[in-house]
Structures are given as structure tokens and as C-alpha cells.
């Protein structure tokens, strides 16, 4: 049947798969959106907390959205925080703090800034997603 070494490798691969699956399910997922409007210095923000909605921005303007994160693990373990951005908005978005460690009970605020370049197409919606992973450190 299976050798002992094959069984051990199989068990290790299953554990790694389950760990990655758990991290993906536990990740905070945010829809991100911004719309380009005509005009100079036009900024219209949406006060929603369910997504990173930067509202309407004219060329040459920027907007900031903030997300607070707190390490409330029951085992009082520190965690690594990592974010990944996808979609058309990802090239316009900067994240001020990424790939950092959060101690047990500690809270951090992360700023997401979108800058609308002068070359942006009027009436275009830039959309995407941001995944915020919290990985416990043992």
C-alpha cells in the first residue's frame, strides 16, 4: 500500500492545505471602487463601511479610506497582517502599512489612498478587491 514516508508527506500536505484554506476563509475581503468625474478638484465620498468606496474623484485628486484592525486572538498570540489588492483599482491605490506584526491586544489603523492620475478616463469606474490576511505567529 503506502510507505510510512508517503503517509507522512500526505498528512503534511493536508495540514498545509487546511491552514491555507482557513486563512482564506478568515480573510477580510473588501470591494474597492472609485469613479472618475469631470471637473477640477471634485471629490465625492461615500461613507460606507462595508467596502473601500472612494466615491467620485476628478483627475489629479486623491481620497483616503481607513480600516482599523485589532488583534483579539483568544490565545494572546501575535499575528502577521498582510494585504493584497487586485483589479483595475490596484494600480491607483497605495496602502500605507502592509506586512506588519500586530501584538496581542494591539490595534492598528491602515490607510488606503487612491490617487486619480491626469490620464484617467472620465466616467470610468475602477474596481477591485483588497484581501486582508491575519496570520497567527506561533
N, C-alpha and C. Protein backbone atom coordinates (compact mmCIF):
# COMPACT_ATOMS: atom_id res chain seq x y z
N UNK A 1 0.85 -1.18 0.00
CA UNK A 1 0.00 0.00 0.00
C UNK A 1 0.90 1.25 0.00
N UNK A 2 0.79 2.10 1.03
CA UNK A 2 1.60 3.31 1.11
C UNK A 2 2.74 3.10 2.10
N UNK A 3 3.89 3.65 1.75
CA UNK A 3 5.02 3.61 2.67
C UNK A 3 4.81 4.62 3.77
N UNK A 4 5.52 4.47 4.87
CA UNK A 4 5.39 5.40 6.00
C UNK A 4 5.75 6.81 5.58
N UNK A 5 6.80 6.98 4.79
CA UNK A 5 7.20 8.32 4.36
C UNK A 5 6.13 8.96 3.48
N UNK A 6 5.46 8.19 2.65
CA UNK A 6 4.38 8.72 1.81
C UNK A 6 3.19 9.17 2.65
N UNK A 7 2.90 8.40 3.70
CA UNK A 7 1.80 8.78 4.60
C UNK A 7 2.13 10.09 5.31
N UNK A 8 3.36 10.25 5.79
CA UNK A 8 3.77 11.47 6.49
C UNK A 8 3.69 12.67 5.55
N UNK A 9 4.18 12.52 4.33
CA UNK A 9 4.12 13.62 3.35
C UNK A 9 2.66 13.96 3.05
N UNK A 10 1.81 12.96 2.91
CA UNK A 10 0.39 13.20 2.66
C UNK A 10 -0.27 13.96 3.79
N UNK A 11 0.03 13.59 5.02
CA UNK A 11 -0.55 14.27 6.19
C UNK A 11 -0.06 15.72 6.24
N UNK A 12 1.22 15.96 5.98
CA UNK A 12 1.77 17.33 5.98
C UNK A 12 1.09 18.17 4.91
N UNK A 13 0.90 17.61 3.73
CA UNK A 13 0.23 18.36 2.65
C UNK A 13 -1.22 18.68 3.00
N UNK A 14 -1.90 17.77 3.63
CA UNK A 14 -3.29 18.02 4.05
C UNK A 14 -3.34 19.12 5.09
N UNK A 15 -2.43 19.11 6.07
CA UNK A 15 -2.39 20.15 7.10
C UNK A 15 -2.11 21.51 6.47
N UNK A 16 -1.17 21.58 5.53
CA UNK A 16 -0.86 22.85 4.85
C UNK A 16 -2.07 23.33 4.08
N UNK A 17 -2.74 22.43 3.35
CA UNK A 17 -3.95 22.80 2.61
C UNK A 17 -5.03 23.36 3.54
N UNK A 18 -5.28 22.69 4.65
CA UNK A 18 -6.29 23.16 5.60
C UNK A 18 -5.94 24.51 6.20
N UNK A 19 -4.65 24.73 6.48
CA UNK A 19 -4.20 26.02 7.03
C UNK A 19 -4.44 27.14 6.02
N UNK A 20 -4.06 26.92 4.77
CA UNK A 20 -4.27 27.94 3.73
C UNK A 20 -5.76 28.16 3.50
N UNK A 21 -6.55 27.10 3.52
CA UNK A 21 -8.00 27.21 3.35
C UNK A 21 -8.61 28.05 4.48
N UNK A 22 -8.17 27.80 5.72
CA UNK A 22 -8.66 28.56 6.87
C UNK A 22 -8.30 30.05 6.73
N UNK A 23 -7.06 30.34 6.37
CA UNK A 23 -6.63 31.72 6.22
C UNK A 23 -7.45 32.45 5.16
N UNK A 24 -7.75 31.76 4.08
CA UNK A 24 -8.53 32.37 3.02
C UNK A 24 -9.96 32.65 3.48
N UNK A 25 -10.55 31.72 4.21
CA UNK A 25 -11.91 31.94 4.72
C UNK A 25 -11.95 33.05 5.76
N UNK A 26 -10.90 33.15 6.57
CA UNK A 26 -10.85 34.12 7.66
C UNK A 26 -10.44 35.52 7.20
N UNK A 27 -9.98 35.66 5.98
CA UNK A 27 -9.51 36.96 5.49
C UNK A 27 -10.66 37.96 5.39
N UNK A 28 -10.36 39.21 5.71
CA UNK A 28 -11.31 40.28 5.48
C UNK A 28 -11.25 40.62 3.99
N UNK A 29 -12.39 40.67 3.36
CA UNK A 29 -12.46 40.96 1.93
C UNK A 29 -13.23 42.25 1.72
N UNK A 30 -12.61 43.19 1.04
CA UNK A 30 -13.24 44.48 0.79
C UNK A 30 -13.35 44.71 -0.71
N UNK A 31 -14.52 45.12 -1.17
CA UNK A 31 -14.65 45.61 -2.54
C UNK A 31 -14.11 47.03 -2.55
N UNK A 32 -13.37 47.37 -3.60
CA UNK A 32 -12.83 48.72 -3.73
C UNK A 32 -13.35 49.32 -5.03
N UNK A 33 -13.76 50.58 -4.96
CA UNK A 33 -14.31 51.24 -6.15
C UNK A 33 -14.05 52.74 -6.10
N UNK A 34 -13.81 53.31 -7.28
CA UNK A 34 -13.70 54.76 -7.44
C UNK A 34 -14.20 55.09 -8.84
N UNK A 35 -14.82 56.25 -8.98
CA UNK A 35 -15.36 56.69 -10.28
C UNK A 35 -14.70 58.00 -10.66
N UNK A 36 -14.28 58.11 -11.92
CA UNK A 36 -13.63 59.32 -12.43
C UNK A 36 -14.72 60.27 -12.93
N UNK A 37 -14.68 61.51 -12.44
CA UNK A 37 -15.66 62.51 -12.87
C UNK A 37 -14.94 63.70 -13.47
N UNK A 38 -15.68 64.45 -14.26
CA UNK A 38 -15.13 65.64 -14.91
C UNK A 38 -15.12 66.79 -13.93
N UNK A 39 -14.20 67.69 -14.11
CA UNK A 39 -14.10 68.87 -13.25
C UNK A 39 -12.72 68.95 -12.64
N UNK A 40 -12.54 69.97 -11.84
CA UNK A 40 -11.25 70.18 -11.20
C UNK A 40 -11.43 70.19 -9.69
N UNK A 41 -10.72 69.34 -9.00
CA UNK A 41 -10.79 69.29 -7.55
C UNK A 41 -12.07 68.71 -7.01
N UNK A 42 -12.80 67.93 -7.81
CA UNK A 42 -14.07 67.34 -7.38
C UNK A 42 -13.80 66.07 -6.58
N UNK A 43 -14.34 66.02 -5.37
CA UNK A 43 -14.23 64.84 -4.52
C UNK A 43 -15.59 64.57 -3.91
N UNK A 44 -16.12 63.39 -4.12
CA UNK A 44 -17.38 62.99 -3.52
C UNK A 44 -17.20 61.65 -2.85
N UNK A 45 -17.27 61.60 -1.53
CA UNK A 45 -17.01 60.36 -0.79
C UNK A 45 -18.31 59.69 -0.37
N UNK A 46 -18.26 58.38 -0.33
CA UNK A 46 -19.36 57.57 0.16
C UNK A 46 -19.01 57.09 1.56
N UNK A 47 -19.84 57.32 2.56
CA UNK A 47 -19.49 56.94 3.94
C UNK A 47 -19.82 55.50 4.31
N UNK A 48 -19.67 54.58 3.39
CA UNK A 48 -19.99 53.19 3.68
C UNK A 48 -18.82 52.51 4.39
N UNK A 49 -19.11 51.53 5.24
CA UNK A 49 -18.05 50.81 5.94
C UNK A 49 -17.91 49.38 5.42
N UNK A 50 -18.80 48.96 4.53
CA UNK A 50 -18.75 47.61 4.00
C UNK A 50 -17.70 47.43 2.92
N UNK A 51 -17.28 48.53 2.29
CA UNK A 51 -16.31 48.44 1.21
C UNK A 51 -15.43 49.68 1.20
N UNK A 52 -14.36 49.60 0.44
CA UNK A 52 -13.46 50.75 0.29
C UNK A 52 -13.97 51.57 -0.89
N UNK A 53 -14.96 52.39 -0.64
CA UNK A 53 -15.58 53.21 -1.68
C UNK A 53 -14.96 54.59 -1.62
N UNK A 54 -14.20 54.94 -2.64
CA UNK A 54 -13.52 56.23 -2.68
C UNK A 54 -14.38 57.29 -3.35
N UNK A 55 -15.60 56.94 -3.73
CA UNK A 55 -16.55 57.89 -4.28
C UNK A 55 -16.17 58.36 -5.67
N UNK A 56 -16.44 59.65 -5.93
CA UNK A 56 -16.15 60.27 -7.22
C UNK A 56 -14.93 61.15 -7.08
N UNK A 57 -13.96 60.99 -7.96
CA UNK A 57 -12.75 61.81 -7.93
C UNK A 57 -12.49 62.37 -9.32
N UNK A 58 -12.11 63.64 -9.37
CA UNK A 58 -11.68 64.21 -10.64
C UNK A 58 -10.19 63.95 -10.80
N UNK A 59 -9.71 64.16 -12.00
CA UNK A 59 -8.29 63.94 -12.28
C UNK A 59 -7.42 64.82 -11.38
N UNK A 60 -6.34 64.23 -10.89
CA UNK A 60 -5.40 64.98 -10.05
C UNK A 60 -5.78 65.07 -8.58
N UNK A 61 -6.82 64.37 -8.16
CA UNK A 61 -7.22 64.40 -6.75
C UNK A 61 -7.00 63.03 -6.13
N UNK A 62 -7.11 62.99 -4.81
CA UNK A 62 -6.95 61.72 -4.10
C UNK A 62 -7.94 61.65 -2.96
N UNK A 63 -8.14 60.44 -2.47
CA UNK A 63 -9.02 60.21 -1.33
C UNK A 63 -8.42 59.11 -0.47
N UNK A 64 -8.71 59.16 0.83
CA UNK A 64 -8.18 58.19 1.78
C UNK A 64 -9.34 57.51 2.49
N UNK A 65 -9.25 56.20 2.61
CA UNK A 65 -10.18 55.42 3.44
C UNK A 65 -9.35 54.69 4.48
N UNK A 66 -9.89 54.52 5.66
CA UNK A 66 -9.17 53.89 6.76
C UNK A 66 -9.89 52.64 7.23
N UNK A 67 -9.08 51.65 7.61
CA UNK A 67 -9.60 50.41 8.19
C UNK A 67 -8.86 50.18 9.49
N UNK A 68 -9.61 49.93 10.56
CA UNK A 68 -9.00 49.61 11.85
C UNK A 68 -9.00 48.10 12.03
N UNK A 69 -7.92 47.61 12.61
CA UNK A 69 -7.79 46.18 12.86
C UNK A 69 -7.25 46.01 14.27
N UNK A 70 -7.82 45.04 14.99
CA UNK A 70 -7.38 44.78 16.36
C UNK A 70 -7.11 43.29 16.51
N UNK A 71 -6.03 42.97 17.18
CA UNK A 71 -5.67 41.58 17.44
C UNK A 71 -6.38 41.14 18.72
N UNK A 72 -7.46 40.41 18.54
CA UNK A 72 -8.24 39.92 19.69
C UNK A 72 -8.21 38.40 19.75
N UNK A 73 -7.06 37.80 19.43
CA UNK A 73 -6.97 36.34 19.47
C UNK A 73 -7.14 35.85 20.90
N UNK A 74 -7.83 34.76 21.05
CA UNK A 74 -8.10 34.22 22.39
C UNK A 74 -6.86 33.63 23.03
N UNK A 75 -5.92 33.19 22.22
CA UNK A 75 -4.69 32.59 22.75
C UNK A 75 -3.60 33.62 23.01
N UNK A 76 -3.92 34.90 22.82
CA UNK A 76 -2.98 36.01 23.05
C UNK A 76 -1.71 35.85 22.22
N UNK A 77 -1.87 35.45 20.97
CA UNK A 77 -0.75 35.29 20.06
C UNK A 77 -0.59 36.53 19.19
N UNK A 78 0.65 36.90 18.87
CA UNK A 78 0.82 37.98 17.88
C UNK A 78 0.39 37.47 16.51
N UNK A 79 0.12 38.38 15.60
CA UNK A 79 -0.27 37.98 14.25
C UNK A 79 0.42 38.85 13.21
N UNK A 80 0.65 38.27 12.07
CA UNK A 80 1.17 38.99 10.92
C UNK A 80 -0.02 39.43 10.09
N UNK A 81 0.03 40.67 9.61
CA UNK A 81 -1.03 41.21 8.79
C UNK A 81 -0.46 41.44 7.39
N UNK A 82 -1.16 40.94 6.39
CA UNK A 82 -0.73 41.11 5.00
C UNK A 82 -1.95 41.43 4.15
N UNK A 83 -1.78 42.37 3.22
CA UNK A 83 -2.86 42.76 2.34
C UNK A 83 -2.44 42.61 0.88
N UNK A 84 -3.40 42.21 0.08
CA UNK A 84 -3.18 42.09 -1.35
C UNK A 84 -4.33 42.77 -2.06
N UNK A 85 -4.01 43.52 -3.11
CA UNK A 85 -5.03 44.24 -3.87
C UNK A 85 -5.06 43.71 -5.29
N UNK A 86 -6.27 43.58 -5.83
CA UNK A 86 -6.47 43.05 -7.17
C UNK A 86 -7.42 43.95 -7.94
N UNK A 87 -7.37 43.88 -9.25
CA UNK A 87 -8.31 44.59 -10.09
C UNK A 87 -7.75 45.90 -10.63
N UNK A 88 -8.59 46.60 -11.37
CA UNK A 88 -8.18 47.84 -12.02
C UNK A 88 -7.80 48.96 -11.07
N UNK A 89 -8.35 48.94 -9.87
CA UNK A 89 -8.05 49.99 -8.90
C UNK A 89 -6.68 49.78 -8.23
N UNK A 90 -6.14 48.59 -8.33
CA UNK A 90 -4.90 48.28 -7.59
C UNK A 90 -3.73 49.16 -8.01
N UNK A 91 -3.67 49.57 -9.27
CA UNK A 91 -2.58 50.44 -9.72
C UNK A 91 -2.72 51.87 -9.22
N UNK A 92 -3.92 52.26 -8.80
CA UNK A 92 -4.16 53.61 -8.30
C UNK A 92 -4.09 53.69 -6.78
N UNK A 93 -4.06 52.55 -6.11
CA UNK A 93 -4.17 52.50 -4.65
C UNK A 93 -2.83 52.25 -3.98
N UNK A 94 -2.57 53.01 -2.91
CA UNK A 94 -1.42 52.80 -2.05
C UNK A 94 -1.92 52.40 -0.67
N UNK A 95 -1.21 51.46 -0.06
CA UNK A 95 -1.51 51.03 1.30
C UNK A 95 -0.35 51.50 2.17
N UNK A 96 -0.62 52.31 3.20
CA UNK A 96 0.47 52.91 3.99
C UNK A 96 1.21 51.92 4.87
N UNK A 97 0.54 50.84 5.25
CA UNK A 97 1.14 49.87 6.17
C UNK A 97 0.74 48.48 5.71
N UNK A 98 1.75 47.64 5.42
CA UNK A 98 1.46 46.30 4.95
C UNK A 98 2.56 45.36 5.42
N UNK A 99 2.26 44.10 5.58
CA UNK A 99 3.20 43.09 6.04
C UNK A 99 3.83 43.51 7.37
N UNK A 100 2.99 43.64 8.38
CA UNK A 100 3.47 44.04 9.70
C UNK A 100 2.95 43.10 10.77
N UNK A 101 3.56 43.19 11.95
CA UNK A 101 3.21 42.33 13.07
C UNK A 101 2.34 43.12 14.05
N UNK A 102 1.30 42.47 14.55
CA UNK A 102 0.38 43.08 15.49
C UNK A 102 0.38 42.23 16.76
N UNK A 103 0.81 42.83 17.87
CA UNK A 103 0.87 42.11 19.14
C UNK A 103 -0.54 41.85 19.67
N UNK A 104 -0.66 40.92 20.59
CA UNK A 104 -1.95 40.59 21.20
C UNK A 104 -2.54 41.83 21.87
N UNK A 105 -3.80 42.13 21.59
CA UNK A 105 -4.48 43.28 22.16
C UNK A 105 -4.18 44.59 21.47
N UNK A 106 -3.23 44.62 20.56
CA UNK A 106 -2.83 45.84 19.87
C UNK A 106 -3.80 46.15 18.73
N UNK A 107 -3.94 47.45 18.44
CA UNK A 107 -4.82 47.90 17.37
C UNK A 107 -4.02 48.75 16.40
N UNK A 108 -4.36 48.67 15.13
CA UNK A 108 -3.66 49.45 14.11
C UNK A 108 -4.69 50.03 13.13
N UNK A 109 -4.33 51.14 12.54
CA UNK A 109 -5.16 51.76 11.53
C UNK A 109 -4.40 51.74 10.21
N UNK A 110 -5.05 51.29 9.16
CA UNK A 110 -4.43 51.18 7.85
C UNK A 110 -5.10 52.18 6.92
N UNK A 111 -4.28 52.99 6.25
CA UNK A 111 -4.79 53.98 5.31
C UNK A 111 -4.65 53.48 3.88
N UNK A 112 -5.75 53.54 3.15
CA UNK A 112 -5.77 53.21 1.73
C UNK A 112 -5.99 54.51 0.97
N UNK A 113 -5.05 54.87 0.12
CA UNK A 113 -5.13 56.12 -0.63
C UNK A 113 -5.24 55.82 -2.11
N UNK A 114 -6.21 56.46 -2.77
CA UNK A 114 -6.35 56.36 -4.22
C UNK A 114 -6.06 57.73 -4.80
N UNK A 115 -5.14 57.75 -5.76
CA UNK A 115 -4.80 58.98 -6.48
C UNK A 115 -5.26 58.82 -7.92
N UNK A 116 -6.04 59.79 -8.41
CA UNK A 116 -6.56 59.74 -9.76
C UNK A 116 -5.60 60.47 -10.70
N UNK A 117 -4.94 59.76 -11.60
CA UNK A 117 -3.98 60.40 -12.49
C UNK A 117 -4.67 61.28 -13.55
N UNK A 118 -3.89 62.16 -14.15
CA UNK A 118 -4.42 63.07 -15.18
C UNK A 118 -4.87 62.31 -16.43
N UNK A 119 -4.38 61.10 -16.61
CA UNK A 119 -4.73 60.31 -17.79
C UNK A 119 -5.98 59.46 -17.61
N UNK A 120 -6.64 59.55 -16.46
CA UNK A 120 -7.81 58.71 -16.18
C UNK A 120 -8.97 59.08 -17.11
N UNK A 121 -9.69 58.06 -17.54
CA UNK A 121 -10.82 58.22 -18.44
C UNK A 121 -12.06 58.68 -17.67
N UNK A 122 -12.68 59.77 -18.14
CA UNK A 122 -13.87 60.33 -17.48
C UNK A 122 -15.01 59.31 -17.51
N UNK A 123 -15.77 59.24 -16.41
CA UNK A 123 -16.92 58.35 -16.22
C UNK A 123 -16.55 56.87 -16.16
N UNK A 124 -15.30 56.58 -15.91
CA UNK A 124 -14.88 55.19 -15.78
C UNK A 124 -14.89 54.81 -14.31
N UNK A 125 -15.35 53.60 -14.02
CA UNK A 125 -15.29 53.04 -12.67
C UNK A 125 -14.08 52.10 -12.59
N UNK A 126 -13.22 52.36 -11.63
CA UNK A 126 -12.12 51.45 -11.34
C UNK A 126 -12.54 50.62 -10.14
N UNK A 127 -12.50 49.32 -10.29
CA UNK A 127 -12.93 48.44 -9.21
C UNK A 127 -11.85 47.40 -8.91
N UNK A 128 -12.02 46.73 -7.81
CA UNK A 128 -11.10 45.67 -7.42
C UNK A 128 -11.46 45.13 -6.06
N UNK A 129 -10.55 44.37 -5.51
CA UNK A 129 -10.74 43.79 -4.18
C UNK A 129 -9.45 43.90 -3.38
N UNK A 130 -9.62 44.02 -2.07
CA UNK A 130 -8.49 44.01 -1.14
C UNK A 130 -8.74 42.86 -0.17
N UNK A 131 -7.73 42.01 -0.02
CA UNK A 131 -7.78 40.89 0.91
C UNK A 131 -6.84 41.19 2.06
N UNK A 132 -7.36 41.15 3.28
CA UNK A 132 -6.58 41.41 4.48
C UNK A 132 -6.47 40.10 5.25
N UNK A 133 -5.25 39.56 5.29
CA UNK A 133 -4.99 38.30 5.96
C UNK A 133 -4.39 38.54 7.34
N UNK A 134 -4.87 37.78 8.32
CA UNK A 134 -4.34 37.83 9.69
C UNK A 134 -3.81 36.44 10.02
N UNK A 135 -2.49 36.33 10.08
CA UNK A 135 -1.86 35.04 10.26
C UNK A 135 -1.26 34.95 11.66
N UNK A 136 -1.74 34.04 12.50
CA UNK A 136 -1.18 33.92 13.85
C UNK A 136 0.28 33.47 13.81
N UNK A 137 1.09 34.07 14.68
CA UNK A 137 2.51 33.71 14.78
C UNK A 137 2.69 32.88 16.03
N UNK A 138 3.24 31.68 15.85
CA UNK A 138 3.43 30.78 16.99
C UNK A 138 4.86 30.85 17.45
